[in-house]
Structures are given as C-alpha cells and as structure tokens.
Amino acid sequence: DIATEDIAAAVAFVAGHAAEWGVDADRIV
C-alpha cells in the first residue's frame, strides 16, 4: 500500500511536469 501510494505520487508529479519534460501525460507507461 505505501509503495503504491508513493508511485502514484510520482506519476502525478510526472503528469504535472509533462509539458516541461516533453512528455504526453496520456502516454505514460
């Protein structure tokens, strides 16, 4: 559970910075 919560936070952080990093937030694998 705590690992899942942390990875969810990481993914949310990536989605929030997607444009800055040249990432499409809908194309996160």
mmCIF file of all heavy atoms, coordinates in Angstrom:
data_MODEL
# 
_entry.id   MODEL 
# 
loop_
_atom_site.group_PDB 
_atom_site.id 
_atom_site.type_symbol 
_atom_site.label_atom_id 
_atom_site.label_alt_id 
_atom_site.label_comp_id 
_atom_site.label_asym_id 
_atom_site.label_entity_id 
_atom_site.label_seq_id 
_atom_site.pdbx_PDB_ins_code 
_atom_site.Cartn_x 
_atom_site.Cartn_y 
_atom_site.Cartn_z 
_atom_site.occupancy 
_atom_site.B_iso_or_equiv 
_atom_site.pdbx_formal_charge 
_atom_site.auth_seq_id 
_atom_site.auth_comp_id 
_atom_site.auth_asym_id 
_atom_site.auth_atom_id 
_atom_site.pdbx_PDB_model_num 
ATOM 1   N N   . ASP A 1 1  ? 0.822  -1.215 0.000   1.00 0.00 ? 1  ASP A N   1 
ATOM 2   C CA  . ASP A 1 1  ? 0.000  0.000  0.000   1.00 0.00 ? 1  ASP A CA  1 
ATOM 3   C C   . ASP A 1 1  ? 0.855  1.263  0.000   1.00 0.00 ? 1  ASP A C   1 
ATOM 4   O O   . ASP A 1 1  ? 0.586  2.202  -0.771  1.00 0.00 ? 1  ASP A O   1 
ATOM 5   C CB  . ASP A 1 1  ? -0.930 0.009  1.217   1.00 0.00 ? 1  ASP A CB  1 
ATOM 6   C CG  . ASP A 1 1  ? -2.114 -0.931 1.051   1.00 0.00 ? 1  ASP A CG  1 
ATOM 7   O OD1 . ASP A 1 1  ? -2.363 -1.393 -0.080  1.00 0.00 ? 1  ASP A OD1 1 
ATOM 8   O OD2 . ASP A 1 1  ? -2.792 -1.198 2.062   1.00 0.00 ? 1  ASP A OD2 1 
ATOM 9   N N   . ILE A 1 2  ? 1.874  1.313  0.856   1.00 0.00 ? 2  ILE A N   1 
ATOM 10  C CA  . ILE A 1 2  ? 2.671  2.553  0.925   1.00 0.00 ? 2  ILE A CA  1 
ATOM 11  C C   . ILE A 1 2  ? 3.524  2.727  -0.336  1.00 0.00 ? 2  ILE A C   1 
ATOM 12  O O   . ILE A 1 2  ? 3.731  3.853  -0.797  1.00 0.00 ? 2  ILE A O   1 
ATOM 13  C CB  . ILE A 1 2  ? 3.521  2.629  2.209   1.00 0.00 ? 2  ILE A CB  1 
ATOM 14  C CG1 . ILE A 1 2  ? 4.561  1.498  2.283   1.00 0.00 ? 2  ILE A CG1 1 
ATOM 15  C CG2 . ILE A 1 2  ? 2.633  2.639  3.444   1.00 0.00 ? 2  ILE A CG2 1 
ATOM 16  C CD1 . ILE A 1 2  ? 5.542  1.676  3.450   1.00 0.00 ? 2  ILE A CD1 1 
ATOM 17  N N   . ALA A 1 3  ? 3.994  1.606  -0.899  1.00 0.00 ? 3  ALA A N   1 
ATOM 18  C CA  . ALA A 1 3  ? 4.735  1.702  -2.165  1.00 0.00 ? 3  ALA A CA  1 
ATOM 19  C C   . ALA A 1 3  ? 3.826  2.205  -3.279  1.00 0.00 ? 3  ALA A C   1 
ATOM 20  O O   . ALA A 1 3  ? 4.214  3.055  -4.090  1.00 0.00 ? 3  ALA A O   1 
ATOM 21  C CB  . ALA A 1 3  ? 5.332  0.348  -2.530  1.00 0.00 ? 3  ALA A CB  1 
ATOM 22  N N   . THR A 1 4  ? 2.597  1.693  -3.307  1.00 0.00 ? 4  THR A N   1 
ATOM 23  C CA  . THR A 1 4  ? 1.631  2.116  -4.327  1.00 0.00 ? 4  THR A CA  1 
ATOM 24  C C   . THR A 1 4  ? 1.319  3.599  -4.196  1.00 0.00 ? 4  THR A C   1 
ATOM 25  O O   . THR A 1 4  ? 1.246  4.329  -5.197  1.00 0.00 ? 4  THR A O   1 
ATOM 26  C CB  . THR A 1 4  ? 0.338  1.284  -4.202  1.00 0.00 ? 4  THR A CB  1 
ATOM 27  O OG1 . THR A 1 4  ? 0.662  -0.111 -4.329  1.00 0.00 ? 4  THR A OG1 1 
ATOM 28  C CG2 . THR A 1 4  ? -0.665 1.663  -5.282  1.00 0.00 ? 4  THR A CG2 1 
ATOM 29  N N   . GLU A 1 5  ? 1.123  4.069  -2.969  1.00 0.00 ? 5  GLU A N   1 
ATOM 30  C CA  . GLU A 1 5  ? 0.875  5.495  -2.737  1.00 0.00 ? 5  GLU A CA  1 
ATOM 31  C C   . GLU A 1 5  ? 2.032  6.350  -3.253  1.00 0.00 ? 5  GLU A C   1 
ATOM 32  O O   . GLU A 1 5  ? 1.821  7.413  -3.862  1.00 0.00 ? 5  GLU A O   1 
ATOM 33  C CB  . GLU A 1 5  ? 0.675  5.749  -1.244  1.00 0.00 ? 5  GLU A CB  1 
ATOM 34  C CG  . GLU A 1 5  ? -0.618 5.179  -0.683  1.00 0.00 ? 5  GLU A CG  1 
ATOM 35  C CD  . GLU A 1 5  ? -0.658 5.270  0.833   1.00 0.00 ? 5  GLU A CD  1 
ATOM 36  O OE1 . GLU A 1 5  ? 0.296  5.819  1.429   1.00 0.00 ? 5  GLU A OE1 1 
ATOM 37  O OE2 . GLU A 1 5  ? -1.637 4.779  1.424   1.00 0.00 ? 5  GLU A OE2 1 
ATOM 38  N N   . ASP A 1 6  ? 3.255  5.882  -3.025  1.00 0.00 ? 6  ASP A N   1 
ATOM 39  C CA  . ASP A 1 6  ? 4.424  6.653  -3.456  1.00 0.00 ? 6  ASP A CA  1 
ATOM 40  C C   . ASP A 1 6  ? 4.555  6.679  -4.968  1.00 0.00 ? 6  ASP A C   1 
ATOM 41  O O   . ASP A 1 6  ? 4.884  7.725  -5.557  1.00 0.00 ? 6  ASP A O   1 
ATOM 42  C CB  . ASP A 1 6  ? 5.691  6.076  -2.821  1.00 0.00 ? 6  ASP A CB  1 
ATOM 43  C CG  . ASP A 1 6  ? 5.720  6.250  -1.310  1.00 0.00 ? 6  ASP A CG  1 
ATOM 44  O OD1 . ASP A 1 6  ? 4.936  7.064  -0.779  1.00 0.00 ? 6  ASP A OD1 1 
ATOM 45  O OD2 . ASP A 1 6  ? 6.518  5.555  -0.649  1.00 0.00 ? 6  ASP A OD2 1 
ATOM 46  N N   . ILE A 1 7  ? 4.303  5.547  -5.616  1.00 0.00 ? 7  ILE A N   1 
ATOM 47  C CA  . ILE A 1 7  ? 4.383  5.526  -7.082  1.00 0.00 ? 7  ILE A CA  1 
ATOM 48  C C   . ILE A 1 7  ? 3.258  6.359  -7.690  1.00 0.00 ? 7  ILE A C   1 
ATOM 49  O O   . ILE A 1 7  ? 3.455  7.052  -8.701  1.00 0.00 ? 7  ILE A O   1 
ATOM 50  C CB  . ILE A 1 7  ? 4.345  4.078  -7.613  1.00 0.00 ? 7  ILE A CB  1 
ATOM 51  C CG1 . ILE A 1 7  ? 5.536  3.276  -7.068  1.00 0.00 ? 7  ILE A CG1 1 
ATOM 52  C CG2 . ILE A 1 7  ? 4.370  4.065  -9.145  1.00 0.00 ? 7  ILE A CG2 1 
ATOM 53  C CD1 . ILE A 1 7  ? 6.897  3.923  -7.314  1.00 0.00 ? 7  ILE A CD1 1 
ATOM 54  N N   . ALA A 1 8  ? 2.092  6.368  -7.056  1.00 0.00 ? 8  ALA A N   1 
ATOM 55  C CA  . ALA A 1 8  ? 1.006  7.238  -7.517  1.00 0.00 ? 8  ALA A CA  1 
ATOM 56  C C   . ALA A 1 8  ? 1.427  8.700  -7.435  1.00 0.00 ? 8  ALA A C   1 
ATOM 57  O O   . ALA A 1 8  ? 1.163  9.494  -8.354  1.00 0.00 ? 8  ALA A O   1 
ATOM 58  C CB  . ALA A 1 8  ? -0.259 6.992  -6.695  1.00 0.00 ? 8  ALA A CB  1 
ATOM 59  N N   . ALA A 1 9  ? 2.098  9.071  -6.338  1.00 0.00 ? 9  ALA A N   1 
ATOM 60  C CA  . ALA A 1 9  ? 2.566  10.454 -6.194  1.00 0.00 ? 9  ALA A CA  1 
ATOM 61  C C   . ALA A 1 9  ? 3.607  10.786 -7.254  1.00 0.00 ? 9  ALA A C   1 
ATOM 62  O O   . ALA A 1 9  ? 3.631  11.905 -7.794  1.00 0.00 ? 9  ALA A O   1 
ATOM 63  C CB  . ALA A 1 9  ? 3.143  10.652 -4.793  1.00 0.00 ? 9  ALA A CB  1 
ATOM 64  N N   . ALA A 1 10 ? 4.476  9.824  -7.564  1.00 0.00 ? 10 ALA A N   1 
ATOM 65  C CA  . ALA A 1 10 ? 5.488  10.039 -8.602  1.00 0.00 ? 10 ALA A CA  1 
ATOM 66  C C   . ALA A 1 10 ? 4.834  10.247 -9.964  1.00 0.00 ? 10 ALA A C   1 
ATOM 67  O O   . ALA A 1 10 ? 5.220  11.142 -10.735 1.00 0.00 ? 10 ALA A O   1 
ATOM 68  C CB  . ALA A 1 10 ? 6.455  8.863  -8.647  1.00 0.00 ? 10 ALA A CB  1 
ATOM 69  N N   . VAL A 1 11 ? 3.830  9.422  -10.277 1.00 0.00 ? 11 VAL A N   1 
ATOM 70  C CA  . VAL A 1 11 ? 3.139  9.543  -11.566 1.00 0.00 ? 11 VAL A CA  1 
ATOM 71  C C   . VAL A 1 11 ? 2.413  10.880 -11.651 1.00 0.00 ? 11 VAL A C   1 
ATOM 72  O O   . VAL A 1 11 ? 2.435  11.551 -12.695 1.00 0.00 ? 11 VAL A O   1 
ATOM 73  C CB  . VAL A 1 11 ? 2.163  8.372  -11.762 1.00 0.00 ? 11 VAL A CB  1 
ATOM 74  C CG1 . VAL A 1 11 ? 1.274  8.600  -12.980 1.00 0.00 ? 11 VAL A CG1 1 
ATOM 75  C CG2 . VAL A 1 11 ? 2.935  7.059  -11.913 1.00 0.00 ? 11 VAL A CG2 1 
ATOM 76  N N   . ALA A 1 12 ? 1.767  11.292 -10.555 1.00 0.00 ? 12 ALA A N   1 
ATOM 77  C CA  . ALA A 1 12 ? 1.084  12.583 -10.541 1.00 0.00 ? 12 ALA A CA  1 
ATOM 78  C C   . ALA A 1 12 ? 2.084  13.725 -10.768 1.00 0.00 ? 12 ALA A C   1 
ATOM 79  O O   . ALA A 1 12 ? 1.781  14.703 -11.469 1.00 0.00 ? 12 ALA A O   1 
ATOM 80  C CB  . ALA A 1 12 ? 0.349  12.774 -9.214  1.00 0.00 ? 12 ALA A CB  1 
ATOM 81  N N   . PHE A 1 13 ? 3.274  13.592 -10.201 1.00 0.00 ? 13 PHE A N   1 
ATOM 82  C CA  . PHE A 1 13 ? 4.322  14.600 -10.386 1.00 0.00 ? 13 PHE A CA  1 
ATOM 83  C C   . PHE A 1 13 ? 4.763  14.647 -11.849 1.00 0.00 ? 13 PHE A C   1 
ATOM 84  O O   . PHE A 1 13 ? 4.943  15.736 -12.423 1.00 0.00 ? 13 PHE A O   1 
ATOM 85  C CB  . PHE A 1 13 ? 5.507  14.266 -9.485  1.00 0.00 ? 13 PHE A CB  1 
ATOM 86  C CG  . PHE A 1 13 ? 6.561  15.337 -9.413  1.00 0.00 ? 13 PHE A CG  1 
ATOM 87  C CD1 . PHE A 1 13 ? 6.453  16.378 -8.512  1.00 0.00 ? 13 PHE A CD1 1 
ATOM 88  C CD2 . PHE A 1 13 ? 7.671  15.288 -10.245 1.00 0.00 ? 13 PHE A CD2 1 
ATOM 89  C CE1 . PHE A 1 13 ? 7.430  17.372 -8.444  1.00 0.00 ? 13 PHE A CE1 1 
ATOM 90  C CE2 . PHE A 1 13 ? 8.653  16.268 -10.184 1.00 0.00 ? 13 PHE A CE2 1 
ATOM 91  C CZ  . PHE A 1 13 ? 8.525  17.319 -9.283  1.00 0.00 ? 13 PHE A CZ  1 
ATOM 92  N N   . VAL A 1 14 ? 4.922  13.480 -12.456 1.00 0.00 ? 14 VAL A N   1 
ATOM 93  C CA  . VAL A 1 14 ? 5.300  13.415 -13.870 1.00 0.00 ? 14 VAL A CA  1 
ATOM 94  C C   . VAL A 1 14 ? 4.224  14.070 -14.733 1.00 0.00 ? 14 VAL A C   1 
ATOM 95  O O   . VAL A 1 14 ? 4.516  14.878 -15.623 1.00 0.00 ? 14 VAL A O   1 
ATOM 96  C CB  . VAL A 1 14 ? 5.539  11.959 -14.314 1.00 0.00 ? 14 VAL A CB  1 
ATOM 97  C CG1 . VAL A 1 14 ? 5.783  11.893 -15.823 1.00 0.00 ? 14 VAL A CG1 1 
ATOM 98  C CG2 . VAL A 1 14 ? 6.717  11.346 -13.568 1.00 0.00 ? 14 VAL A CG2 1 
ATOM 99  N N   . ALA A 1 15 ? 2.967  13.729 -14.466 1.00 0.00 ? 15 ALA A N   1 
ATOM 100 C CA  . ALA A 1 15 ? 1.869  14.308 -15.248 1.00 0.00 ? 15 ALA A CA  1 
ATOM 101 C C   . ALA A 1 15 ? 1.835  15.831 -15.098 1.00 0.00 ? 15 ALA A C   1 
ATOM 102 O O   . ALA A 1 15 ? 1.562  16.553 -16.065 1.00 0.00 ? 15 ALA A O   1 
ATOM 103 C CB  . ALA A 1 15 ? 0.541  13.702 -14.807 1.00 0.00 ? 15 ALA A CB  1 
ATOM 104 N N   . GLY A 1 16 ? 2.153  16.312 -13.894 1.00 0.00 ? 16 GLY A N   1 
ATOM 105 C CA  . GLY A 1 16 ? 2.151  17.749 -13.662 1.00 0.00 ? 16 GLY A CA  1 
ATOM 106 C C   . GLY A 1 16 ? 3.284  18.491 -14.337 1.00 0.00 ? 16 GLY A C   1 
ATOM 107 O O   . GLY A 1 16 ? 3.209  19.704 -14.537 1.00 0.00 ? 16 GLY A O   1 
ATOM 108 N N   . HIS A 1 17 ? 4.350  17.762 -14.672 1.00 0.00 ? 17 HIS A N   1 
ATOM 109 C CA  . HIS A 1 17 ? 5.514  18.381 -15.334 1.00 0.00 ? 17 HIS A CA  1 
ATOM 110 C C   . HIS A 1 17 ? 5.676  17.887 -16.771 1.00 0.00 ? 17 HIS A C   1 
ATOM 111 O O   . HIS A 1 17 ? 6.738  18.065 -17.372 1.00 0.00 ? 17 HIS A O   1 
ATOM 112 C CB  . HIS A 1 17 ? 6.788  18.071 -14.543 1.00 0.00 ? 17 HIS A CB  1 
ATOM 113 C CG  . HIS A 1 17 ? 6.850  18.765 -13.215 1.00 0.00 ? 17 HIS A CG  1 
ATOM 114 N ND1 . HIS A 1 17 ? 6.138  18.325 -12.123 1.00 0.00 ? 17 HIS A ND1 1 
ATOM 115 C CD2 . HIS A 1 17 ? 7.525  19.873 -12.803 1.00 0.00 ? 17 HIS A CD2 1 
ATOM 116 C CE1 . HIS A 1 17 ? 6.375  19.115 -11.086 1.00 0.00 ? 17 HIS A CE1 1 
ATOM 117 N NE2 . HIS A 1 17 ? 7.205  20.067 -11.471 1.00 0.00 ? 17 HIS A NE2 1 
ATOM 118 N N   . ALA A 1 18 ? 4.641  17.260 -17.311 1.00 0.00 ? 18 ALA A N   1 
ATOM 119 C CA  . ALA A 1 18 ? 4.744  16.616 -18.620 1.00 0.00 ? 18 ALA A CA  1 
ATOM 120 C C   . ALA A 1 18 ? 5.181  17.583 -19.712 1.00 0.00 ? 18 ALA A C   1 
ATOM 121 O O   . ALA A 1 18 ? 6.104  17.294 -20.485 1.00 0.00 ? 18 ALA A O   1 
ATOM 122 C CB  . ALA A 1 18 ? 3.412  15.967 -18.976 1.00 0.00 ? 18 ALA A CB  1 
ATOM 123 N N   . ALA A 1 19 ? 4.541  18.728 -19.773 1.00 0.00 ? 19 ALA A N   1 
ATOM 124 C CA  . ALA A 1 19 ? 4.884  19.686 -20.835 1.00 0.00 ? 19 ALA A CA  1 
ATOM 125 C C   . ALA A 1 19 ? 6.319  20.155 -20.710 1.00 0.00 ? 19 ALA A C   1 
ATOM 126 O O   . ALA A 1 19 ? 7.041  20.285 -21.716 1.00 0.00 ? 19 ALA A O   1 
ATOM 127 C CB  . ALA A 1 19 ? 3.928  20.879 -20.780 1.00 0.00 ? 19 ALA A CB  1 
ATOM 128 N N   . GLU A 1 20 ? 6.764  20.373 -19.480 1.00 0.00 ? 20 GLU A N   1 
ATOM 129 C CA  . GLU A 1 20 ? 8.136  20.830 -19.229 1.00 0.00 ? 20 GLU A CA  1 
ATOM 130 C C   . GLU A 1 20 ? 9.162  19.814 -19.706 1.00 0.00 ? 20 GLU A C   1 
ATOM 131 O O   . GLU A 1 20 ? 10.238 20.181 -20.196 1.00 0.00 ? 20 GLU A O   1 
ATOM 132 C CB  . GLU A 1 20 ? 8.285  21.087 -17.735 1.00 0.00 ? 20 GLU A CB  1 
ATOM 133 C CG  . GLU A 1 20 ? 9.673  21.468 -17.270 1.00 0.00 ? 20 GLU A CG  1 
ATOM 134 C CD  . GLU A 1 20 ? 9.751  21.541 -15.757 1.00 0.00 ? 20 GLU A CD  1 
ATOM 135 O OE1 . GLU A 1 20 ? 8.697  21.609 -15.091 1.00 0.00 ? 20 GLU A OE1 1 
ATOM 136 O OE2 . GLU A 1 20 ? 10.886 21.512 -15.228 1.00 0.00 ? 20 GLU A OE2 1 
ATOM 137 N N   . TRP A 1 21 ? 8.826  18.529 -19.557 1.00 0.00 ? 21 TRP A N   1 
ATOM 138 C CA  . TRP A 1 21 ? 9.781  17.464 -19.902 1.00 0.00 ? 21 TRP A CA  1 
ATOM 139 C C   . TRP A 1 21 ? 9.559  16.895 -21.296 1.00 0.00 ? 21 TRP A C   1 
ATOM 140 O O   . TRP A 1 21 ? 10.197 15.919 -21.685 1.00 0.00 ? 21 TRP A O   1 
ATOM 141 C CB  . TRP A 1 21 ? 9.680  16.331 -18.880 1.00 0.00 ? 21 TRP A CB  1 
ATOM 142 C CG  . TRP A 1 21 ? 10.012 16.750 -17.477 1.00 0.00 ? 21 TRP A CG  1 
ATOM 143 C CD1 . TRP A 1 21 ? 10.725 17.846 -17.094 1.00 0.00 ? 21 TRP A CD1 1 
ATOM 144 C CD2 . TRP A 1 21 ? 9.634  16.075 -16.277 1.00 0.00 ? 21 TRP A CD2 1 
ATOM 145 N NE1 . TRP A 1 21 ? 10.826 17.905 -15.720 1.00 0.00 ? 21 TRP A NE1 1 
ATOM 146 C CE2 . TRP A 1 21 ? 10.166 16.826 -15.191 1.00 0.00 ? 21 TRP A CE2 1 
ATOM 147 C CE3 . TRP A 1 21 ? 8.920  14.918 -15.991 1.00 0.00 ? 21 TRP A CE3 1 
ATOM 148 C CZ2 . TRP A 1 21 ? 9.995  16.452 -13.854 1.00 0.00 ? 21 TRP A CZ2 1 
ATOM 149 C CZ3 . TRP A 1 21 ? 8.736  14.529 -14.667 1.00 0.00 ? 21 TRP A CZ3 1 
ATOM 150 C CH2 . TRP A 1 21 ? 9.272  15.298 -13.623 1.00 0.00 ? 21 TRP A CH2 1 
ATOM 151 N N   . GLY A 1 22 ? 8.642  17.455 -22.063 1.00 0.00 ? 22 GLY A N   1 
ATOM 152 C CA  . GLY A 1 22 ? 8.365  16.943 -23.398 1.00 0.00 ? 22 GLY A CA  1 
ATOM 153 C C   . GLY A 1 22 ? 7.636  15.623 -23.393 1.00 0.00 ? 22 GLY A C   1 
ATOM 154 O O   . GLY A 1 22 ? 7.834  14.776 -24.276 1.00 0.00 ? 22 GLY A O   1 
ATOM 155 N N   . VAL A 1 23 ? 6.769  15.434 -22.406 1.00 0.00 ? 23 VAL A N   1 
ATOM 156 C CA  . VAL A 1 23 ? 6.033  14.181 -22.239 1.00 0.00 ? 23 VAL A CA  1 
ATOM 157 C C   . VAL A 1 23 ? 4.547  14.423 -22.487 1.00 0.00 ? 23 VAL A C   1 
ATOM 158 O O   . VAL A 1 23 ? 3.997  15.462 -22.093 1.00 0.00 ? 23 VAL A O   1 
ATOM 159 C CB  . VAL A 1 23 ? 6.243  13.619 -20.812 1.00 0.00 ? 23 VAL A CB  1 
ATOM 160 C CG1 . VAL A 1 23 ? 5.263  12.492 -20.501 1.00 0.00 ? 23 VAL A CG1 1 
ATOM 161 C CG2 . VAL A 1 23 ? 7.681  13.145 -20.641 1.00 0.00 ? 23 VAL A CG2 1 
ATOM 162 N N   . ASP A 1 24 ? 3.886  13.470 -23.131 1.00 0.00 ? 24 ASP A N   1 
ATOM 163 C CA  . ASP A 1 24 ? 2.434  13.470 -23.256 1.00 0.00 ? 24 ASP A CA  1 
ATOM 164 C C   . ASP A 1 24 ? 1.880  12.728 -22.033 1.00 0.00 ? 24 ASP A C   1 
ATOM 165 O O   . ASP A 1 24 ? 2.130  11.534 -21.859 1.00 0.00 ? 24 ASP A O   1 
ATOM 166 C CB  . ASP A 1 24 ? 2.019  12.771 -24.550 1.00 0.00 ? 24 ASP A CB  1 
ATOM 167 C CG  . ASP A 1 24 ? 0.515  12.831 -24.796 1.00 0.00 ? 24 ASP A CG  1 
ATOM 168 O OD1 . ASP A 1 24 ? -0.246 12.975 -23.825 1.00 0.00 ? 24 ASP A OD1 1 
ATOM 169 O OD2 . ASP A 1 24 ? 0.102  12.688 -25.968 1.00 0.00 ? 24 ASP A OD2 1 
ATOM 170 N N   . ALA A 1 25 ? 1.132  13.416 -21.181 1.00 0.00 ? 25 ALA A N   1 
ATOM 171 C CA  . ALA A 1 25 ? 0.639  12.817 -19.938 1.00 0.00 ? 25 ALA A CA  1 
ATOM 172 C C   . ALA A 1 25 ? -0.289 11.628 -20.179 1.00 0.00 ? 25 ALA A C   1 
ATOM 173 O O   . ALA A 1 25 ? -0.484 10.797 -19.284 1.00 0.00 ? 25 ALA A O   1 
ATOM 174 C CB  . ALA A 1 25 ? -0.076 13.871 -19.099 1.00 0.00 ? 25 ALA A CB  1 
ATOM 175 N N   . ASP A 1 26 ? -0.855 11.529 -21.368 1.00 0.00 ? 26 ASP A N   1 
ATOM 176 C CA  . ASP A 1 26 ? -1.715 10.393 -21.705 1.00 0.00 ? 26 ASP A CA  1 
ATOM 177 C C   . ASP A 1 26 ? -0.919 9.222  -22.281 1.00 0.00 ? 26 ASP A C   1 
ATOM 178 O O   . ASP A 1 26 ? -1.499 8.200  -22.656 1.00 0.00 ? 26 ASP A O   1 
ATOM 179 C CB  . ASP A 1 26 ? -2.783 10.818 -22.707 1.00 0.00 ? 26 ASP A CB  1 
ATOM 180 C CG  . ASP A 1 26 ? -3.784 11.799 -22.105 1.00 0.00 ? 26 ASP A CG  1 
ATOM 181 O OD1 . ASP A 1 26 ? -4.105 11.647 -20.908 1.00 0.00 ? 26 ASP A OD1 1 
ATOM 182 O OD2 . ASP A 1 26 ? -4.235 12.714 -22.822 1.00 0.00 ? 26 ASP A OD2 1 
ATOM 183 N N   . ARG A 1 27 ? 0.403  9.387  -22.358 1.00 0.00 ? 27 ARG A N   1 
ATOM 184 C CA  . ARG A 1 27 ? 1.248  8.327  -22.912 1.00 0.00 ? 27 ARG A CA  1 
ATOM 185 C C   . ARG A 1 27 ? 2.346  7.941  -21.907 1.00 0.00 ? 27 ARG A C   1 
ATOM 186 O O   . ARG A 1 27 ? 3.513  7.825  -22.257 1.00 0.00 ? 27 ARG A O   1 
ATOM 187 C CB  . ARG A 1 27 ? 1.850  8.784  -24.241 1.00 0.00 ? 27 ARG A CB  1 
ATOM 188 C CG  . ARG A 1 27 ? 0.808  8.954  -25.333 1.00 0.00 ? 27 ARG A CG  1 
ATOM 189 C CD  . ARG A 1 27 ? 1.383  9.433  -26.650 1.00 0.00 ? 27 ARG A CD  1 
ATOM 190 N NE  . ARG A 1 27 ? 0.365  9.463  -27.677 1.00 0.00 ? 27 ARG A NE  1 
ATOM 191 C CZ  . ARG A 1 27 ? 0.021  8.427  -28.451 1.00 0.00 ? 27 ARG A CZ  1 
ATOM 192 N NH1 . ARG A 1 27 ? 0.666  7.281  -28.320 1.00 0.00 ? 27 ARG A NH1 1 
ATOM 193 N NH2 . ARG A 1 27 ? -0.927 8.532  -29.354 1.00 0.00 ? 27 ARG A NH2 1 
ATOM 194 N N   . ILE A 1 28 ? 1.922  7.755  -20.677 1.00 0.00 ? 28 ILE A N   1 
ATOM 195 C CA  . ILE A 1 28 ? 2.835  7.321  -19.621 1.00 0.00 ? 28 ILE A CA  1 
ATOM 196 C C   . ILE A 1 28 ? 2.656  5.827  -19.406 1.00 0.00 ? 28 ILE A C   1 
ATOM 197 O O   . ILE A 1 28 ? 1.561  5.356  -19.078 1.00 0.00 ? 28 ILE A O   1 
ATOM 198 C CB  . ILE A 1 28 ? 2.588  8.087  -18.312 1.00 0.00 ? 28 ILE A CB  1 
ATOM 199 C CG1 . ILE A 1 28 ? 2.824  9.591  -18.515 1.00 0.00 ? 28 ILE A CG1 1 
ATOM 200 C CG2 . ILE A 1 28 ? 3.487  7.549  -17.197 1.00 0.00 ? 28 ILE A CG2 1 
ATOM 201 C CD1 . ILE A 1 28 ? 2.474  10.435 -17.303 1.00 0.00 ? 28 ILE A CD1 1 
ATOM 202 N N   . VAL A 1 29 ? 3.718  5.092  -19.609 1.00 0.00 ? 29 VAL A N   1 
ATOM 203 C CA  . VAL A 1 29 ? 3.738  3.637  -19.456 1.00 0.00 ? 29 VAL A CA  1 
ATOM 204 C C   . VAL A 1 29 ? 4.353  3.307  -18.101 1.00 0.00 ? 29 VAL A C   1 
ATOM 205 O O   . VAL A 1 29 ? 5.356  3.912  -17.694 1.00 0.00 ? 29 VAL A O   1 
ATOM 206 C CB  . VAL A 1 29 ? 4.567  2.986  -20.585 1.00 0.00 ? 29 VAL A CB  1 
ATOM 207 C CG1 . VAL A 1 29 ? 4.700  1.480  -20.380 1.00 0.00 ? 29 VAL A CG1 1 
ATOM 208 C CG2 . VAL A 1 29 ? 3.953  3.311  -21.946 1.00 0.00 ? 29 VAL A CG2 1 
# 
